[in-house]
Amino acid sequence: MVAFKQTVRIPENHKISIDIPESVCTDQVGEIILIIKDKKSSSENVSNLKQAMNDPVFVSDLNEVSLDFKDIDSHGW
């Protein structure tokens, strides 16, 4: 298996063409995977984390996980 990577910006028409290297024989089967990177800025992420700290379900889950590891954390590494 050989992998080729191309990074592109999504154009307004939402169409992307892919250049296949000449070394790849015709009639071969290839798989195309499109990974879209999240555009959220770090300030948005910080804002979301701050909001999560006021979410009672999130805080409860966080406390529960903390209690699960309390015993092992006391042993040190």
N, C-alpha and C. Protein backbone atom coordinates (compact mmCIF):
# COMPACT_ATOMS: atom_id res chain seq x y z
N MET A 1 0.85 -1.18 0.00
CA MET A 1 0.00 0.00 0.00
C MET A 1 0.89 1.23 0.00
N VAL A 2 0.50 2.23 -0.74
CA VAL A 2 1.21 3.49 -0.83
C VAL A 2 0.23 4.60 -0.49
N ALA A 3 0.68 5.59 0.27
CA ALA A 3 -0.19 6.71 0.64
C ALA A 3 0.35 8.00 0.05
N PHE A 4 -0.54 8.83 -0.42
CA PHE A 4 -0.19 10.15 -0.93
C PHE A 4 -1.05 11.16 -0.19
N LYS A 5 -0.44 12.26 0.21
CA LYS A 5 -1.19 13.27 0.96
C LYS A 5 -1.15 14.59 0.20
N GLN A 6 -2.30 15.22 0.12
CA GLN A 6 -2.40 16.57 -0.43
C GLN A 6 -3.25 17.39 0.53
N THR A 7 -2.80 18.58 0.83
CA THR A 7 -3.57 19.48 1.68
C THR A 7 -4.15 20.58 0.80
N VAL A 8 -5.44 20.77 0.88
CA VAL A 8 -6.11 21.78 0.06
C VAL A 8 -7.09 22.59 0.90
N ARG A 9 -7.39 23.77 0.45
CA ARG A 9 -8.47 24.58 1.05
C ARG A 9 -9.75 24.26 0.27
N ILE A 10 -10.84 24.21 0.97
CA ILE A 10 -12.12 23.94 0.33
C ILE A 10 -12.53 25.20 -0.45
N PRO A 11 -12.69 25.08 -1.76
CA PRO A 11 -13.09 26.25 -2.55
C PRO A 11 -14.58 26.53 -2.43
N GLU A 12 -14.99 27.69 -2.93
CA GLU A 12 -16.40 28.08 -2.85
C GLU A 12 -17.32 27.09 -3.53
N ASN A 13 -16.85 26.46 -4.61
CA ASN A 13 -17.72 25.50 -5.31
C ASN A 13 -17.70 24.11 -4.67
N HIS A 14 -16.93 23.96 -3.60
CA HIS A 14 -16.83 22.70 -2.85
C HIS A 14 -16.42 21.51 -3.72
N LYS A 15 -15.59 21.75 -4.71
CA LYS A 15 -15.10 20.67 -5.57
C LYS A 15 -13.58 20.64 -5.49
N ILE A 16 -13.03 19.44 -5.35
CA ILE A 16 -11.59 19.26 -5.24
C ILE A 16 -11.17 18.23 -6.29
N SER A 17 -10.09 18.52 -7.01
CA SER A 17 -9.54 17.52 -7.94
C SER A 17 -8.25 16.99 -7.32
N ILE A 18 -7.94 15.75 -7.63
CA ILE A 18 -6.78 15.09 -7.05
C ILE A 18 -5.83 14.68 -8.17
N ASP A 19 -4.57 15.08 -8.05
CA ASP A 19 -3.54 14.66 -9.00
C ASP A 19 -2.94 13.35 -8.52
N ILE A 20 -3.02 12.32 -9.35
CA ILE A 20 -2.47 11.01 -9.03
C ILE A 20 -1.08 10.90 -9.67
N PRO A 21 -0.08 10.50 -8.88
CA PRO A 21 1.27 10.38 -9.45
C PRO A 21 1.30 9.40 -10.64
N GLU A 22 2.17 9.69 -11.60
CA GLU A 22 2.30 8.85 -12.79
C GLU A 22 2.74 7.43 -12.44
N SER A 23 3.38 7.25 -11.29
CA SER A 23 3.87 5.92 -10.90
C SER A 23 2.73 4.96 -10.54
N VAL A 24 1.54 5.48 -10.36
CA VAL A 24 0.39 4.63 -10.04
C VAL A 24 -0.21 4.12 -11.34
N CYS A 25 -0.31 2.79 -11.45
CA CYS A 25 -0.86 2.18 -12.67
C CYS A 25 -2.35 2.48 -12.79
N THR A 26 -2.80 2.59 -14.02
CA THR A 26 -4.22 2.82 -14.24
C THR A 26 -5.01 1.57 -13.85
N ASP A 27 -6.27 1.75 -13.59
CA ASP A 27 -7.21 0.68 -13.22
C ASP A 27 -6.95 0.10 -11.84
N GLN A 28 -6.10 0.76 -11.03
CA GLN A 28 -5.92 0.32 -9.65
C GLN A 28 -7.03 0.92 -8.80
N VAL A 29 -7.34 0.26 -7.72
CA VAL A 29 -8.37 0.75 -6.80
C VAL A 29 -7.68 1.60 -5.73
N GLY A 30 -8.22 2.77 -5.47
CA GLY A 30 -7.70 3.64 -4.43
C GLY A 30 -8.81 4.09 -3.50
N GLU A 31 -8.44 4.47 -2.31
CA GLU A 31 -9.41 4.94 -1.32
C GLU A 31 -9.11 6.39 -1.01
N ILE A 32 -10.13 7.23 -1.03
CA ILE A 32 -9.96 8.65 -0.74
C ILE A 32 -10.65 8.95 0.58
N ILE A 33 -9.90 9.56 1.49
CA ILE A 33 -10.43 9.93 2.80
C ILE A 33 -10.27 11.44 2.94
N LEU A 34 -11.34 12.12 3.28
CA LEU A 34 -11.31 13.57 3.46
C LEU A 34 -11.41 13.87 4.95
N ILE A 35 -10.40 14.52 5.50
CA ILE A 35 -10.40 14.89 6.92
C ILE A 35 -10.50 16.40 6.99
N ILE A 36 -11.57 16.89 7.58
CA ILE A 36 -11.79 18.33 7.70
C ILE A 36 -11.34 18.77 9.09
N LYS A 37 -10.42 19.73 9.12
CA LYS A 37 -9.93 20.23 10.40
C LYS A 37 -10.92 21.22 10.98
N ASP A 38 -11.11 21.14 12.29
CA ASP A 38 -12.02 22.02 13.00
C ASP A 38 -11.46 23.44 12.99
N LYS A 39 -12.30 24.41 12.68
CA LYS A 39 -11.87 25.80 12.60
C LYS A 39 -11.94 26.53 13.93
N LYS A 40 -12.36 25.86 15.00
CA LYS A 40 -12.50 26.55 16.28
C LYS A 40 -11.16 27.10 16.73
N SER A 41 -11.19 28.30 17.22
CA SER A 41 -9.96 28.92 17.73
C SER A 41 -9.73 28.46 19.17
N SER A 42 -8.54 28.69 19.66
CA SER A 42 -8.24 28.28 21.03
C SER A 42 -9.10 29.07 22.02
N SER A 43 -9.46 30.31 21.69
CA SER A 43 -10.30 31.08 22.60
C SER A 43 -11.71 30.48 22.69
N GLU A 44 -12.20 29.92 21.58
CA GLU A 44 -13.50 29.23 21.61
C GLU A 44 -13.42 27.98 22.47
N ASN A 45 -12.30 27.26 22.35
CA ASN A 45 -12.13 26.04 23.14
C ASN A 45 -12.07 26.37 24.63
N VAL A 46 -11.36 27.43 24.99
CA VAL A 46 -11.29 27.85 26.39
C VAL A 46 -12.67 28.24 26.88
N SER A 47 -13.41 28.96 26.06
CA SER A 47 -14.77 29.37 26.42
C SER A 47 -15.66 28.15 26.67
N ASN A 48 -15.54 27.13 25.80
CA ASN A 48 -16.33 25.91 25.96
C ASN A 48 -15.96 25.18 27.25
N LEU A 49 -14.67 25.16 27.58
CA LEU A 49 -14.24 24.51 28.83
C LEU A 49 -14.78 25.25 30.05
N LYS A 50 -14.78 26.57 29.99
CA LYS A 50 -15.32 27.36 31.10
C LYS A 50 -16.81 27.09 31.28
N GLN A 51 -17.53 26.97 30.17
CA GLN A 51 -18.96 26.65 30.25
C GLN A 51 -19.17 25.25 30.81
N ALA A 52 -18.29 24.32 30.46
CA ALA A 52 -18.42 22.95 30.95
C ALA A 52 -18.30 22.89 32.47
N MET A 53 -17.48 23.76 33.04
CA MET A 53 -17.31 23.76 34.49
C MET A 53 -18.57 24.19 35.23
N ASN A 54 -19.53 24.78 34.53
CA ASN A 54 -20.81 25.15 35.13
C ASN A 54 -21.91 24.14 34.80
N ASP A 55 -21.55 23.08 34.10
CA ASP A 55 -22.51 22.04 33.73
C ASP A 55 -22.53 20.99 34.84
N PRO A 56 -23.64 20.87 35.57
CA PRO A 56 -23.68 19.96 36.72
C PRO A 56 -23.41 18.49 36.34
N VAL A 57 -23.85 18.06 35.20
CA VAL A 57 -23.62 16.67 34.79
C VAL A 57 -22.13 16.45 34.52
N PHE A 58 -21.49 17.38 33.83
CA PHE A 58 -20.06 17.28 33.55
C PHE A 58 -19.26 17.27 34.84
N VAL A 59 -19.57 18.19 35.73
CA VAL A 59 -18.84 18.29 37.01
C VAL A 59 -19.03 17.02 37.82
N SER A 60 -20.24 16.48 37.82
CA SER A 60 -20.51 15.23 38.54
C SER A 60 -19.69 14.08 37.96
N ASP A 61 -19.66 13.97 36.65
CA ASP A 61 -18.87 12.92 36.00
C ASP A 61 -17.38 13.09 36.31
N LEU A 62 -16.90 14.32 36.29
CA LEU A 62 -15.51 14.60 36.59
C LEU A 62 -15.16 14.19 38.02
N ASN A 63 -16.04 14.51 38.96
CA ASN A 63 -15.82 14.12 40.35
C ASN A 63 -15.84 12.60 40.51
N GLU A 64 -16.72 11.93 39.79
CA GLU A 64 -16.80 10.47 39.86
C GLU A 64 -15.51 9.82 39.35
N VAL A 65 -15.00 10.32 38.27
CA VAL A 65 -13.74 9.78 37.72
C VAL A 65 -12.59 10.07 38.69
N SER A 66 -12.60 11.25 39.28
CA SER A 66 -11.57 11.60 40.26
C SER A 66 -11.58 10.64 41.44
N LEU A 67 -12.77 10.30 41.92
CA LEU A 67 -12.89 9.34 43.03
C LEU A 67 -12.42 7.95 42.61
N ASP A 68 -12.68 7.57 41.37
CA ASP A 68 -12.24 6.26 40.89
C ASP A 68 -10.72 6.12 40.96
N PHE A 69 -10.00 7.21 40.74
CA PHE A 69 -8.54 7.16 40.71
C PHE A 69 -7.89 7.62 42.02
N LYS A 70 -8.70 8.00 43.01
CA LYS A 70 -8.17 8.55 44.25
C LYS A 70 -7.23 7.56 44.94
N ASP A 71 -7.60 6.30 45.01
CA ASP A 71 -6.79 5.30 45.70
C ASP A 71 -5.45 5.10 45.01
N ILE A 72 -5.48 4.93 43.72
CA ILE A 72 -4.24 4.68 42.99
C ILE A 72 -3.34 5.91 42.96
N ASP A 73 -3.94 7.11 42.95
CA ASP A 73 -3.16 8.33 42.96
C ASP A 73 -2.40 8.49 44.27
N SER A 74 -2.93 7.96 45.36
CA SER A 74 -2.28 8.10 46.66
C SER A 74 -1.02 7.23 46.78
N HIS A 75 -0.86 6.22 45.91
CA HIS A 75 0.32 5.34 45.98
C HIS A 75 1.55 5.96 45.35
N GLY A 76 1.39 6.95 44.53
CA GLY A 76 2.54 7.58 43.86
C GLY A 76 3.08 6.70 42.74
N TRP A 77 4.02 7.22 42.04
CA TRP A 77 4.59 6.49 40.92
C TRP A 77 6.04 6.29 41.18
